[in-house]
Amino acid sequence: MKAYTYSEACQKLSEILDVARSEEVIIRRGDGETFAVKYKHLPKSPFDVSGIKTMATTKDIIEAVRESRAGTGQGD
């Protein structure tokens, strides 16, 4: 566990965040209060997907959805 003063923490925030990936970091204020910085891995949502490039317009997409719902698509 590493400890920093508030002033050091302000100057070295990037370093502190890097250290916090592997161990807890303590920041101590001048009045004696202490705070812990700890890395927290948050799982990604299954809906967090990258977009795709397409030439389809909004009109094309809406038309395709309407066709699929009506059962009048090209495959019918």
Protein backbone atom coordinates (compact mmCIF):
# COMPACT_ATOMS: atom_id res chain seq x y z
CA MET A 1 0.00 0.00 0.00
CA LYS A 2 1.35 3.41 -1.00
CA ALA A 3 0.43 6.68 0.68
CA TYR A 4 0.47 10.18 -0.77
CA THR A 5 -0.30 13.59 0.64
CA TYR A 6 -3.13 15.56 -0.91
CA SER A 7 -0.62 17.87 -2.64
CA GLU A 8 1.31 14.91 -4.08
CA ALA A 9 -1.94 13.33 -5.24
CA CYS A 10 -2.92 16.47 -7.14
CA GLN A 11 0.44 16.50 -8.92
CA LYS A 12 0.72 12.75 -9.54
CA LEU A 13 -2.85 11.63 -10.23
CA SER A 14 -1.95 9.64 -13.35
CA GLU A 15 0.80 7.79 -11.45
CA ILE A 16 -1.55 7.11 -8.54
CA LEU A 17 -4.17 5.59 -10.85
CA ASP A 18 -1.51 3.34 -12.40
CA VAL A 19 -0.35 2.19 -8.94
CA ALA A 20 -3.96 1.61 -7.86
CA ARG A 21 -4.28 -1.09 -10.55
CA SER A 22 -2.06 -3.33 -8.45
CA GLU A 23 -2.42 -2.06 -4.88
CA GLU A 24 -4.50 0.20 -2.69
CA VAL A 25 -3.39 3.84 -2.53
CA ILE A 26 -3.99 6.10 0.46
CA ILE A 27 -4.34 9.87 0.13
CA ARG A 28 -3.94 11.86 3.33
CA ARG A 29 -5.26 15.41 3.68
CA GLY A 30 -3.62 18.03 5.85
CA ASP A 31 -6.33 17.68 8.50
CA GLY A 32 -5.56 13.96 8.89
CA GLU A 33 -8.48 12.53 6.88
CA THR A 34 -7.50 9.58 4.72
CA PHE A 35 -9.05 8.23 1.55
CA ALA A 36 -8.41 4.98 -0.30
CA VAL A 37 -8.09 4.68 -4.06
CA LYS A 38 -8.69 1.18 -5.35
CA TYR A 39 -8.95 -0.13 -8.91
CA LYS A 40 -12.36 -1.51 -9.77
CA HIS A 41 -12.94 -3.53 -12.92
CA LEU A 42 -16.48 -3.14 -14.19
CA PRO A 43 -17.76 -5.81 -16.57
CA LYS A 44 -18.86 -4.59 -19.96
CA SER A 45 -22.48 -4.81 -20.99
CA PRO A 46 -23.28 -7.42 -23.65
CA PHE A 47 -25.01 -4.55 -25.45
CA ASP A 48 -21.77 -2.54 -25.60
CA VAL A 49 -20.89 -3.37 -29.21
CA SER A 50 -18.99 -1.39 -31.76
CA GLY A 51 -20.92 0.15 -34.62
CA ILE A 52 -20.71 -0.85 -38.26
CA LYS A 53 -20.25 1.22 -41.40
CA THR A 54 -23.10 0.91 -43.89
CA MET A 55 -24.57 2.81 -46.81
CA ALA A 56 -28.09 2.13 -45.50
CA THR A 57 -30.14 5.19 -44.67
CA THR A 58 -32.64 5.50 -41.86
CA LYS A 59 -35.37 5.18 -44.50
CA ASP A 60 -33.83 1.90 -45.76
CA ILE A 61 -33.71 0.47 -42.24
CA ILE A 62 -37.28 1.47 -41.41
CA GLU A 63 -38.49 -0.02 -44.70
CA ALA A 64 -36.63 -3.29 -44.00
CA VAL A 65 -38.13 -3.53 -40.50
CA ARG A 66 -41.65 -2.86 -41.88
CA GLU A 67 -41.17 -5.51 -44.57
CA SER A 68 -39.94 -8.06 -42.04
CA ARG A 69 -42.90 -7.40 -39.78
CA ALA A 70 -45.37 -7.62 -42.66
CA GLY A 71 -43.73 -10.73 -44.12
CA THR A 72 -43.31 -9.07 -47.52
CA GLY A 73 -39.52 -9.20 -47.76
CA GLN A 74 -37.61 -10.38 -50.83
CA GLY A 75 -37.27 -13.90 -49.43
CA ASP A 76 -41.04 -14.44 -49.34
